[in-house]
Amino acid sequence: MKSVALLQTCSFDEISKTINDALKLGSDNNFGYDYLTDFEERFKPKHRMPVTTGWGEMDNITGGGLGKSELGVVIAPTGAGKSMVLVHLGVEALKAGKNVIHYTLELQDTVVANRYDSCLTSFPLTDIKDFKEEVFEQVKNIQGKLIVKEYPTKSASTNTIKSHLARLKKRGIDPGMIIIDYGDL
């Protein structure tokens, strides 16, 4: 190796440059999907196993819902219900036994959790606190795990999210759906 020879001659600046150059190249050997070379591959059947959105027409359009590694984006004006749509999608994933990691950068984590309570149980959100015991009885056996992580507005980045996901994976929590309720990361 080149760096061993440089080490023997104590060329530390050159070693540093060589290592930095290698790091810039990265370790990803995948250069992308080659349209013609990989032509046959795209016609092989895929086992996508999507999670339903809960809306029949949307599932028809998306081929059954959202699949692993797919990005779904909800866009609407302020106050139109984007956060509730995201909770609904999370509920469908939980019902399918998926672990859901829900990041919120505008609402308190307990507010989001109450929305899940209402969506999972059909108790009105405005009265959810009056049905504490009934809510618990209905949600205690849900198959998927729900983690709601709150960050203050404009305080999180994609690296913050990646770091949190890595910590969850070390605890054995593998996300089946990741929801980020904030468009400006």
N, C-alpha and C. Protein backbone atom coordinates (compact mmCIF):
# COMPACT_ATOMS: atom_id res chain seq x y z
N MET A 1 0.83 -1.19 0.00
CA MET A 1 0.00 0.00 0.00
C MET A 1 0.87 1.25 0.00
N LYS A 2 0.37 2.24 -0.66
CA LYS A 2 1.10 3.49 -0.77
C LYS A 2 1.32 4.14 0.60
N SER A 3 0.30 4.08 1.48
CA SER A 3 0.43 4.75 2.78
C SER A 3 1.47 4.09 3.68
N VAL A 4 1.73 2.78 3.51
CA VAL A 4 2.76 2.10 4.31
C VAL A 4 4.14 2.66 3.93
N ALA A 5 4.38 2.81 2.64
CA ALA A 5 5.66 3.38 2.19
C ALA A 5 5.80 4.82 2.68
N LEU A 6 4.71 5.57 2.66
CA LEU A 6 4.75 6.96 3.13
C LEU A 6 4.99 7.01 4.64
N LEU A 7 4.43 6.04 5.36
CA LEU A 7 4.62 5.98 6.80
C LEU A 7 6.08 5.70 7.14
N GLN A 8 6.71 4.83 6.37
CA GLN A 8 8.12 4.50 6.61
C GLN A 8 9.03 5.70 6.38
N THR A 9 8.60 6.60 5.49
CA THR A 9 9.41 7.80 5.23
C THR A 9 8.92 9.01 6.02
N CYS A 10 7.96 8.76 6.93
CA CYS A 10 7.39 9.81 7.79
C CYS A 10 6.79 10.97 6.99
N SER A 11 6.16 10.66 5.87
CA SER A 11 5.51 11.67 5.02
C SER A 11 4.04 11.81 5.46
N PHE A 12 3.85 12.37 6.66
CA PHE A 12 2.52 12.42 7.26
C PHE A 12 1.54 13.31 6.49
N ASP A 13 2.02 14.41 5.94
CA ASP A 13 1.14 15.27 5.14
C ASP A 13 0.64 14.53 3.91
N GLU A 14 1.53 13.77 3.27
CA GLU A 14 1.14 13.01 2.08
C GLU A 14 0.17 11.88 2.46
N ILE A 15 0.38 11.26 3.64
CA ILE A 15 -0.55 10.22 4.12
C ILE A 15 -1.93 10.82 4.32
N SER A 16 -1.97 11.98 4.95
CA SER A 16 -3.24 12.67 5.20
C SER A 16 -3.95 12.98 3.88
N LYS A 17 -3.20 13.47 2.90
CA LYS A 17 -3.78 13.80 1.60
C LYS A 17 -4.32 12.53 0.93
N THR A 18 -3.57 11.44 0.98
CA THR A 18 -4.00 10.17 0.36
C THR A 18 -5.29 9.67 1.00
N ILE A 19 -5.35 9.72 2.32
CA ILE A 19 -6.55 9.26 3.04
C ILE A 19 -7.74 10.16 2.71
N ASN A 20 -7.53 11.47 2.72
CA ASN A 20 -8.62 12.40 2.39
C ASN A 20 -9.13 12.19 0.97
N ASP A 21 -8.22 11.96 0.03
CA ASP A 21 -8.64 11.69 -1.34
C ASP A 21 -9.49 10.42 -1.42
N ALA A 22 -9.09 9.40 -0.68
CA ALA A 22 -9.84 8.14 -0.67
C ALA A 22 -11.23 8.35 -0.05
N LEU A 23 -11.29 9.13 1.02
CA LEU A 23 -12.58 9.40 1.67
C LEU A 23 -13.52 10.17 0.76
N LYS A 24 -12.97 11.06 -0.04
CA LYS A 24 -13.80 11.83 -0.98
C LYS A 24 -14.45 10.93 -2.01
N LEU A 25 -13.76 9.88 -2.41
CA LEU A 25 -14.32 8.94 -3.38
C LEU A 25 -15.46 8.12 -2.78
N GLY A 26 -15.39 7.88 -1.47
CA GLY A 26 -16.43 7.10 -0.80
C GLY A 26 -16.30 5.62 -1.08
N SER A 27 -17.20 4.85 -0.48
CA SER A 27 -17.14 3.40 -0.64
C SER A 27 -18.31 2.86 -1.47
N ASP A 28 -19.13 3.74 -2.00
CA ASP A 28 -20.29 3.31 -2.78
C ASP A 28 -19.85 2.98 -4.20
N ASN A 29 -19.89 1.69 -4.54
CA ASN A 29 -19.49 1.24 -5.87
C ASN A 29 -20.66 1.19 -6.85
N ASN A 30 -21.85 1.52 -6.38
CA ASN A 30 -23.03 1.51 -7.24
C ASN A 30 -23.09 2.85 -7.98
N PHE A 31 -22.93 2.79 -9.30
CA PHE A 31 -22.93 4.02 -10.10
C PHE A 31 -24.32 4.38 -10.60
N GLY A 32 -25.31 3.58 -10.27
CA GLY A 32 -26.68 3.86 -10.67
C GLY A 32 -27.24 2.78 -11.58
N TYR A 33 -28.46 2.96 -11.94
CA TYR A 33 -29.17 2.01 -12.79
C TYR A 33 -28.84 2.32 -14.24
N ASP A 34 -28.19 1.40 -14.89
CA ASP A 34 -27.82 1.56 -16.30
C ASP A 34 -29.01 1.13 -17.15
N TYR A 35 -29.64 2.08 -17.77
CA TYR A 35 -30.91 1.88 -18.48
C TYR A 35 -30.87 0.71 -19.47
N LEU A 36 -29.87 0.62 -20.30
CA LEU A 36 -29.82 -0.45 -21.30
C LEU A 36 -29.23 -1.74 -20.77
N THR A 37 -28.14 -1.64 -20.02
CA THR A 37 -27.50 -2.85 -19.49
C THR A 37 -28.45 -3.61 -18.56
N ASP A 38 -29.22 -2.88 -17.77
CA ASP A 38 -30.12 -3.50 -16.79
C ASP A 38 -31.55 -3.64 -17.31
N PHE A 39 -31.73 -3.62 -18.62
CA PHE A 39 -33.05 -3.64 -19.25
C PHE A 39 -33.90 -4.81 -18.74
N GLU A 40 -33.38 -6.02 -18.76
CA GLU A 40 -34.14 -7.21 -18.37
C GLU A 40 -34.56 -7.16 -16.90
N GLU A 41 -33.73 -6.58 -16.07
CA GLU A 41 -33.98 -6.55 -14.62
C GLU A 41 -35.30 -5.87 -14.28
N ARG A 42 -35.64 -4.82 -14.99
CA ARG A 42 -36.84 -4.07 -14.62
C ARG A 42 -38.14 -4.79 -15.00
N PHE A 43 -38.04 -5.87 -15.75
CA PHE A 43 -39.23 -6.62 -16.12
C PHE A 43 -39.43 -7.87 -15.25
N LYS A 44 -38.50 -8.12 -14.34
CA LYS A 44 -38.66 -9.24 -13.41
C LYS A 44 -39.67 -8.85 -12.34
N PRO A 45 -40.48 -9.83 -11.89
CA PRO A 45 -41.46 -9.51 -10.84
C PRO A 45 -40.76 -9.09 -9.54
N LYS A 46 -41.31 -8.10 -8.91
CA LYS A 46 -40.77 -7.60 -7.64
C LYS A 46 -41.73 -7.96 -6.51
N HIS A 47 -41.19 -8.23 -5.37
CA HIS A 47 -41.99 -8.51 -4.19
C HIS A 47 -41.97 -7.26 -3.31
N ARG A 48 -42.82 -6.31 -3.66
CA ARG A 48 -42.82 -4.98 -3.07
C ARG A 48 -43.43 -4.96 -1.67
N MET A 49 -44.46 -5.69 -1.42
CA MET A 49 -45.18 -5.74 -0.15
C MET A 49 -45.49 -4.33 0.38
N PRO A 50 -46.29 -3.56 -0.33
CA PRO A 50 -46.60 -2.20 0.11
C PRO A 50 -47.51 -2.18 1.33
N VAL A 51 -47.49 -1.06 2.03
CA VAL A 51 -48.41 -0.81 3.14
C VAL A 51 -49.54 0.06 2.58
N THR A 52 -50.76 -0.37 2.78
CA THR A 52 -51.90 0.38 2.27
C THR A 52 -51.91 1.81 2.83
N THR A 53 -52.43 2.72 2.04
CA THR A 53 -52.62 4.09 2.53
C THR A 53 -53.94 4.19 3.27
N GLY A 54 -54.80 3.19 3.08
CA GLY A 54 -56.12 3.24 3.69
C GLY A 54 -57.15 3.90 2.79
N TRP A 55 -56.71 4.41 1.66
CA TRP A 55 -57.60 5.05 0.69
C TRP A 55 -57.52 4.25 -0.60
N GLY A 56 -58.62 3.62 -0.98
CA GLY A 56 -58.64 2.72 -2.13
C GLY A 56 -58.11 3.33 -3.41
N GLU A 57 -58.55 4.53 -3.74
CA GLU A 57 -58.10 5.15 -4.99
C GLU A 57 -56.60 5.42 -4.96
N MET A 58 -56.10 5.89 -3.82
CA MET A 58 -54.66 6.15 -3.69
C MET A 58 -53.88 4.84 -3.81
N ASP A 59 -54.40 3.78 -3.21
CA ASP A 59 -53.73 2.47 -3.32
C ASP A 59 -53.72 1.99 -4.77
N ASN A 60 -54.80 2.25 -5.51
CA ASN A 60 -54.84 1.87 -6.93
C ASN A 60 -53.76 2.62 -7.71
N ILE A 61 -53.62 3.89 -7.43
CA ILE A 61 -52.64 4.72 -8.15
C ILE A 61 -51.21 4.29 -7.81
N THR A 62 -50.97 3.94 -6.55
CA THR A 62 -49.61 3.63 -6.09
C THR A 62 -49.26 2.15 -6.16
N GLY A 63 -50.15 1.35 -6.70
CA GLY A 63 -49.85 -0.08 -6.80
C GLY A 63 -49.97 -0.79 -5.46
N GLY A 64 -50.92 -0.37 -4.65
CA GLY A 64 -51.16 -1.04 -3.37
C GLY A 64 -50.77 -0.25 -2.15
N GLY A 65 -50.13 0.88 -2.31
CA GLY A 65 -49.71 1.69 -1.17
C GLY A 65 -48.25 2.06 -1.28
N LEU A 66 -47.64 2.31 -0.15
CA LEU A 66 -46.23 2.70 -0.10
C LEU A 66 -45.35 1.48 0.17
N GLY A 67 -44.36 1.27 -0.69
CA GLY A 67 -43.45 0.14 -0.54
C GLY A 67 -42.17 0.54 0.16
N LYS A 68 -41.40 -0.46 0.55
CA LYS A 68 -40.13 -0.24 1.23
C LYS A 68 -39.21 0.63 0.37
N SER A 69 -38.59 1.60 0.99
CA SER A 69 -37.64 2.53 0.37
C SER A 69 -38.30 3.53 -0.58
N GLU A 70 -39.63 3.59 -0.58
CA GLU A 70 -40.32 4.56 -1.41
C GLU A 70 -40.59 5.83 -0.62
N LEU A 71 -40.60 6.94 -1.31
CA LEU A 71 -40.84 8.24 -0.70
C LEU A 71 -42.23 8.72 -1.07
N GLY A 72 -43.04 8.98 -0.07
CA GLY A 72 -44.36 9.58 -0.28
C GLY A 72 -44.31 10.99 0.26
N VAL A 73 -44.83 11.94 -0.50
CA VAL A 73 -44.79 13.34 -0.09
C VAL A 73 -46.22 13.87 -0.05
N VAL A 74 -46.57 14.54 1.05
CA VAL A 74 -47.88 15.15 1.20
C VAL A 74 -47.69 16.66 1.14
N ILE A 75 -48.31 17.28 0.13
CA ILE A 75 -48.17 18.72 -0.06
C ILE A 75 -49.56 19.35 -0.04
N ALA A 76 -49.72 20.39 0.77
CA ALA A 76 -50.98 21.12 0.84
C ALA A 76 -50.73 22.43 1.57
N PRO A 77 -51.65 23.39 1.46
CA PRO A 77 -51.48 24.66 2.17
C PRO A 77 -51.52 24.47 3.68
N THR A 78 -51.03 25.44 4.40
CA THR A 78 -51.06 25.43 5.87
C THR A 78 -52.49 25.22 6.36
N GLY A 79 -52.63 24.33 7.33
CA GLY A 79 -53.93 24.09 7.94
C GLY A 79 -54.84 23.15 7.16
N ALA A 80 -54.34 22.55 6.10
CA ALA A 80 -55.18 21.68 5.26
C ALA A 80 -55.27 20.25 5.78
N GLY A 81 -54.46 19.89 6.78
CA GLY A 81 -54.54 18.55 7.35
C GLY A 81 -53.41 17.61 6.99
N LYS A 82 -52.27 18.16 6.57
CA LYS A 82 -51.12 17.30 6.21
C LYS A 82 -50.71 16.41 7.38
N SER A 83 -50.64 16.99 8.57
CA SER A 83 -50.20 16.23 9.74
C SER A 83 -51.16 15.08 10.04
N MET A 84 -52.45 15.31 9.88
CA MET A 84 -53.43 14.24 10.11
C MET A 84 -53.31 13.15 9.04
N VAL A 85 -53.03 13.54 7.81
CA VAL A 85 -52.81 12.55 6.74
C VAL A 85 -51.62 11.67 7.10
N LEU A 86 -50.54 12.29 7.59
CA LEU A 86 -49.35 11.52 7.96
C LEU A 86 -49.64 10.56 9.11
N VAL A 87 -50.43 11.02 10.08
CA VAL A 87 -50.83 10.13 11.18
C VAL A 87 -51.63 8.95 10.63
N HIS A 88 -52.55 9.24 9.72
CA HIS A 88 -53.36 8.17 9.12
C HIS A 88 -52.47 7.14 8.43
N LEU A 89 -51.47 7.60 7.68
CA LEU A 89 -50.54 6.68 7.01
C LEU A 89 -49.76 5.86 8.05
N GLY A 90 -49.36 6.51 9.13
CA GLY A 90 -48.66 5.81 10.20
C GLY A 90 -49.52 4.74 10.85
N VAL A 91 -50.80 5.06 11.04
CA VAL A 91 -51.73 4.09 11.63
C VAL A 91 -51.86 2.86 10.74
N GLU A 92 -51.96 3.07 9.44
CA GLU A 92 -52.07 1.92 8.52
C GLU A 92 -50.82 1.05 8.60
N ALA A 93 -49.65 1.67 8.73
CA ALA A 93 -48.41 0.90 8.87
C ALA A 93 -48.40 0.13 10.19
N LEU A 94 -48.84 0.76 11.28
CA LEU A 94 -48.91 0.08 12.57
C LEU A 94 -49.83 -1.13 12.49
N LYS A 95 -50.98 -0.94 11.86
CA LYS A 95 -51.94 -2.05 11.72
C LYS A 95 -51.34 -3.20 10.91
N ALA A 96 -50.41 -2.88 10.02
CA ALA A 96 -49.75 -3.91 9.21
C ALA A 96 -48.56 -4.52 9.95
N GLY A 97 -48.36 -4.12 11.22
CA GLY A 97 -47.28 -4.68 12.02
C GLY A 97 -45.94 -4.01 11.82
N LYS A 98 -45.92 -2.87 11.17
CA LYS A 98 -44.67 -2.14 10.92
C LYS A 98 -44.36 -1.22 12.09
N ASN A 99 -43.07 -1.03 12.35
CA ASN A 99 -42.64 -0.02 13.32
C ASN A 99 -42.65 1.33 12.62
N VAL A 100 -43.22 2.32 13.27
CA VAL A 100 -43.34 3.66 12.69
C VAL A 100 -42.53 4.63 13.54
N ILE A 101 -41.63 5.36 12.89
CA ILE A 101 -40.88 6.42 13.54
C ILE A 101 -41.43 7.72 12.96
N HIS A 102 -42.06 8.52 13.81
CA HIS A 102 -42.74 9.74 13.38
C HIS A 102 -42.00 10.94 13.96
N TYR A 103 -41.39 11.73 13.09
CA TYR A 103 -40.68 12.93 13.50
C TYR A 103 -41.59 14.13 13.34
N THR A 104 -41.66 14.94 14.39
CA THR A 104 -42.48 16.15 14.34
C THR A 104 -41.61 17.34 14.71
N LEU A 105 -41.67 18.37 13.89
CA LEU A 105 -40.88 19.57 14.14
C LEU A 105 -41.77 20.79 14.34
N GLU A 106 -43.08 20.56 14.43
CA GLU A 106 -44.00 21.68 14.65
C GLU A 106 -44.96 21.41 15.79
N LEU A 107 -45.30 20.15 16.02
CA LEU A 107 -46.26 19.79 17.07
C LEU A 107 -45.55 19.07 18.20
N GLN A 108 -46.14 19.14 19.40
CA GLN A 108 -45.58 18.39 20.53
C GLN A 108 -45.80 16.90 20.29
N ASP A 109 -44.87 16.11 20.80
CA ASP A 109 -44.98 14.66 20.62
C ASP A 109 -46.27 14.09 21.21
N THR A 110 -46.72 14.65 22.33
CA THR A 110 -47.96 14.16 22.95
C THR A 110 -49.19 14.51 22.11
N VAL A 111 -49.15 15.64 21.42
CA VAL A 111 -50.25 16.02 20.53
C VAL A 111 -50.33 15.02 19.38
N VAL A 112 -49.18 14.67 18.82
CA VAL A 112 -49.14 13.69 17.73
C VAL A 112 -49.61 12.33 18.25
N ALA A 113 -49.17 11.94 19.44
CA ALA A 113 -49.58 10.66 20.02
C ALA A 113 -51.10 10.63 20.24
N ASN A 114 -51.67 11.74 20.69
CA ASN A 114 -53.13 11.81 20.85
C ASN A 114 -53.85 11.64 19.52
N ARG A 115 -53.27 12.17 18.46
CA ARG A 115 -53.86 12.00 17.13
C ARG A 115 -53.83 10.53 16.71
N TYR A 116 -52.74 9.84 17.03
CA TYR A 116 -52.69 8.40 16.77
C TYR A 116 -53.77 7.69 17.58
N ASP A 117 -53.92 8.08 18.86
CA ASP A 117 -54.97 7.47 19.70
C ASP A 117 -56.33 7.60 19.03
N SER A 118 -56.64 8.79 18.58
CA SER A 118 -57.94 9.05 17.96
C SER A 118 -58.12 8.26 16.67
N CYS A 119 -57.09 8.24 15.85
CA CYS A 119 -57.17 7.55 14.56
C CYS A 119 -57.24 6.03 14.74
N LEU A 120 -56.54 5.51 15.72
CA LEU A 120 -56.55 4.06 15.97
C LEU A 120 -57.86 3.58 16.59
N THR A 121 -58.52 4.45 17.37
CA THR A 121 -59.68 4.02 18.15
C THR A 121 -61.00 4.60 17.67
N SER A 122 -60.96 5.63 16.87
CA SER A 122 -62.16 6.35 16.40
C SER A 122 -62.82 7.20 17.49
N PHE A 123 -62.17 7.35 18.64
CA PHE A 123 -62.68 8.31 19.61
C PHE A 123 -62.35 9.71 19.10
N PRO A 124 -63.27 10.67 19.29
CA PRO A 124 -63.00 12.03 18.80
C PRO A 124 -61.75 12.62 19.46
N LEU A 125 -60.93 13.26 18.65
CA LEU A 125 -59.69 13.86 19.16
C LEU A 125 -59.98 14.86 20.28
N THR A 126 -61.06 15.60 20.14
CA THR A 126 -61.39 16.63 21.14
C THR A 126 -61.73 16.02 22.50
N ASP A 127 -62.14 14.75 22.52
CA ASP A 127 -62.53 14.10 23.77
C ASP A 127 -61.59 12.97 24.18
N ILE A 128 -60.47 12.83 23.52
CA ILE A 128 -59.61 11.65 23.70
C ILE A 128 -59.20 11.45 25.16
N LYS A 129 -58.98 12.55 25.88
CA LYS A 129 -58.56 12.45 27.29
C LYS A 129 -59.64 11.81 28.17
N ASP A 130 -60.90 11.91 27.75
CA ASP A 130 -62.00 11.33 28.52
C ASP A 130 -62.09 9.81 28.37
N PHE A 131 -61.34 9.26 27.43
CA PHE A 131 -61.44 7.83 27.14
C PHE A 131 -60.10 7.11 27.35
N LYS A 132 -59.33 7.57 28.31
CA LYS A 132 -57.98 7.05 28.53
C LYS A 132 -57.94 5.52 28.63
N GLU A 133 -58.76 4.95 29.50
CA GLU A 133 -58.74 3.50 29.71
C GLU A 133 -59.19 2.75 28.45
N GLU A 134 -60.25 3.27 27.80
CA GLU A 134 -60.75 2.62 26.59
C GLU A 134 -59.72 2.68 25.47
N VAL A 135 -59.04 3.82 25.36
CA VAL A 135 -57.99 3.97 24.34
C VAL A 135 -56.89 2.94 24.59
N PHE A 136 -56.43 2.84 25.84
CA PHE A 136 -55.36 1.90 26.15
C PHE A 136 -55.76 0.47 25.82
N GLU A 137 -56.99 0.10 26.16
CA GLU A 137 -57.46 -1.26 25.86
C GLU A 137 -57.41 -1.56 24.36
N GLN A 138 -57.69 -0.54 23.54
CA GLN A 138 -57.71 -0.76 22.09
C GLN A 138 -56.32 -0.73 21.46
N VAL A 139 -55.39 0.02 22.05
CA VAL A 139 -54.08 0.16 21.40
C VAL A 139 -52.99 -0.73 22.00
N LYS A 140 -53.25 -1.34 23.14
CA LYS A 140 -52.19 -2.09 23.83
C LYS A 140 -51.67 -3.28 23.04
N ASN A 141 -52.47 -3.82 22.15
CA ASN A 141 -52.05 -4.99 21.38
C ASN A 141 -51.68 -4.67 19.94
N ILE A 142 -51.48 -3.41 19.65
CA ILE A 142 -51.10 -3.02 18.28
C ILE A 142 -49.78 -3.71 17.95
N GLN A 143 -49.66 -4.25 16.74
CA GLN A 143 -48.50 -5.07 16.40
C GLN A 143 -47.23 -4.26 16.20
N GLY A 144 -47.32 -3.12 15.54
CA GLY A 144 -46.13 -2.31 15.30
C GLY A 144 -45.80 -1.43 16.49
N LYS A 145 -44.58 -0.94 16.51
CA LYS A 145 -44.14 -0.03 17.58
C LYS A 145 -44.15 1.39 17.02
N LEU A 146 -44.65 2.33 17.81
CA LEU A 146 -44.70 3.74 17.40
C LEU A 146 -43.74 4.54 18.27
N ILE A 147 -42.81 5.23 17.62
CA ILE A 147 -41.92 6.18 18.29
C ILE A 147 -42.21 7.55 17.69
N VAL A 148 -42.62 8.49 18.53
CA VAL A 148 -42.82 9.87 18.09
C VAL A 148 -41.67 10.69 18.67
N LYS A 149 -40.88 11.28 17.79
CA LYS A 149 -39.71 12.07 18.21
C LYS A 149 -39.95 13.52 17.83
N GLU A 150 -39.91 14.37 18.84
CA GLU A 150 -40.13 15.80 18.64
C GLU A 150 -38.80 16.54 18.63
N TYR A 151 -38.65 17.42 17.66
CA TYR A 151 -37.53 18.35 17.61
C TYR A 151 -38.11 19.75 17.49
N PRO A 152 -37.48 20.74 18.11
CA PRO A 152 -37.95 22.11 17.91
C PRO A 152 -37.84 22.50 16.43
N THR A 153 -38.73 23.36 15.98
CA THR A 153 -38.73 23.81 14.58
C THR A 153 -37.35 24.32 14.19
N LYS A 154 -36.91 23.92 13.01
CA LYS A 154 -35.63 24.31 12.40
C LYS A 154 -34.40 23.84 13.19
N SER A 155 -34.58 22.86 14.08
CA SER A 155 -33.43 22.40 14.87
C SER A 155 -32.85 21.08 14.37
N ALA A 156 -33.55 20.40 13.49
CA ALA A 156 -33.09 19.09 13.03
C ALA A 156 -32.68 19.15 11.56
N SER A 157 -31.76 18.26 11.22
CA SER A 157 -31.30 18.14 9.83
C SER A 157 -31.44 16.67 9.43
N THR A 158 -31.11 16.38 8.18
CA THR A 158 -31.14 14.98 7.76
C THR A 158 -30.14 14.16 8.58
N ASN A 159 -29.02 14.77 8.96
CA ASN A 159 -28.04 14.05 9.79
C ASN A 159 -28.59 13.78 11.19
N THR A 160 -29.38 14.70 11.73
CA THR A 160 -30.01 14.49 13.04
C THR A 160 -30.92 13.27 12.97
N ILE A 161 -31.71 13.20 11.91
CA ILE A 161 -32.64 12.08 11.72
C ILE A 161 -31.87 10.77 11.54
N LYS A 162 -30.83 10.79 10.70
CA LYS A 162 -30.01 9.58 10.49
C LYS A 162 -29.41 9.10 11.80
N SER A 163 -28.92 10.02 12.60
CA SER A 163 -28.31 9.66 13.88
C SER A 163 -29.34 9.03 14.81
N HIS A 164 -30.52 9.61 14.88
CA HIS A 164 -31.57 9.06 15.74
C HIS A 164 -31.98 7.67 15.26
N LEU A 165 -32.12 7.50 13.95
CA LEU A 165 -32.47 6.18 13.41
C LEU A 165 -31.39 5.14 13.73
N ALA A 166 -30.13 5.54 13.65
CA ALA A 166 -29.03 4.62 13.98
C ALA A 166 -29.10 4.20 15.45
N ARG A 167 -29.43 5.15 16.34
CA ARG A 167 -29.57 4.81 17.76
C ARG A 167 -30.74 3.86 17.99
N LEU A 168 -31.84 4.09 17.28
CA LEU A 168 -32.99 3.18 17.41
C LEU A 168 -32.64 1.78 16.93
N LYS A 169 -31.92 1.69 15.82
CA LYS A 169 -31.54 0.37 15.29
C LYS A 169 -30.65 -0.38 16.27
N LYS A 170 -29.78 0.35 16.99
CA LYS A 170 -28.94 -0.29 18.01
C LYS A 170 -29.79 -0.84 19.15
N ARG A 171 -30.96 -0.26 19.36
CA ARG A 171 -31.90 -0.74 20.39
C ARG A 171 -32.82 -1.82 19.84
N GLY A 172 -32.61 -2.21 18.57
CA GLY A 172 -33.41 -3.27 17.98
C GLY A 172 -34.71 -2.79 17.35
N ILE A 173 -34.85 -1.50 17.16
CA ILE A 173 -36.06 -0.95 16.54
C ILE A 173 -35.77 -0.64 15.08
N ASP A 174 -36.32 -1.47 14.20
CA ASP A 174 -36.10 -1.32 12.76
C ASP A 174 -37.35 -0.66 12.16
N PRO A 175 -37.23 0.52 11.59
CA PRO A 175 -38.43 1.21 11.09
C PRO A 175 -39.00 0.56 9.84
N GLY A 176 -40.31 0.40 9.83
CA GLY A 176 -41.02 -0.04 8.64
C GLY A 176 -41.56 1.15 7.88
N MET A 177 -41.73 2.27 8.59
CA MET A 177 -42.15 3.52 7.97
C MET A 177 -41.55 4.67 8.77
N ILE A 178 -40.99 5.62 8.05
CA ILE A 178 -40.44 6.83 8.67
C ILE A 178 -41.27 8.00 8.17
N ILE A 179 -41.80 8.76 9.11
CA ILE A 179 -42.61 9.93 8.78
C ILE A 179 -41.89 11.16 9.29
N ILE A 180 -41.73 12.15 8.44
CA ILE A 180 -41.13 13.42 8.85
C ILE A 180 -42.15 14.51 8.57
N ASP A 181 -42.71 15.04 9.63
CA ASP A 181 -43.75 16.06 9.50
C ASP A 181 -43.12 17.44 9.56
N TYR A 182 -42.44 17.76 8.50
CA TYR A 182 -41.83 19.08 8.34
C TYR A 182 -41.13 19.08 7.00
N GLY A 183 -41.42 20.04 6.17
CA GLY A 183 -40.90 20.02 4.82
C GLY A 183 -39.57 20.70 4.61
N ASP A 184 -39.03 21.35 5.64
CA ASP A 184 -37.85 22.20 5.43
C ASP A 184 -36.63 21.65 6.14
N LEU A 185 -36.26 20.41 5.84
CA LEU A 185 -35.06 19.84 6.46
C LEU A 185 -33.84 20.23 5.68
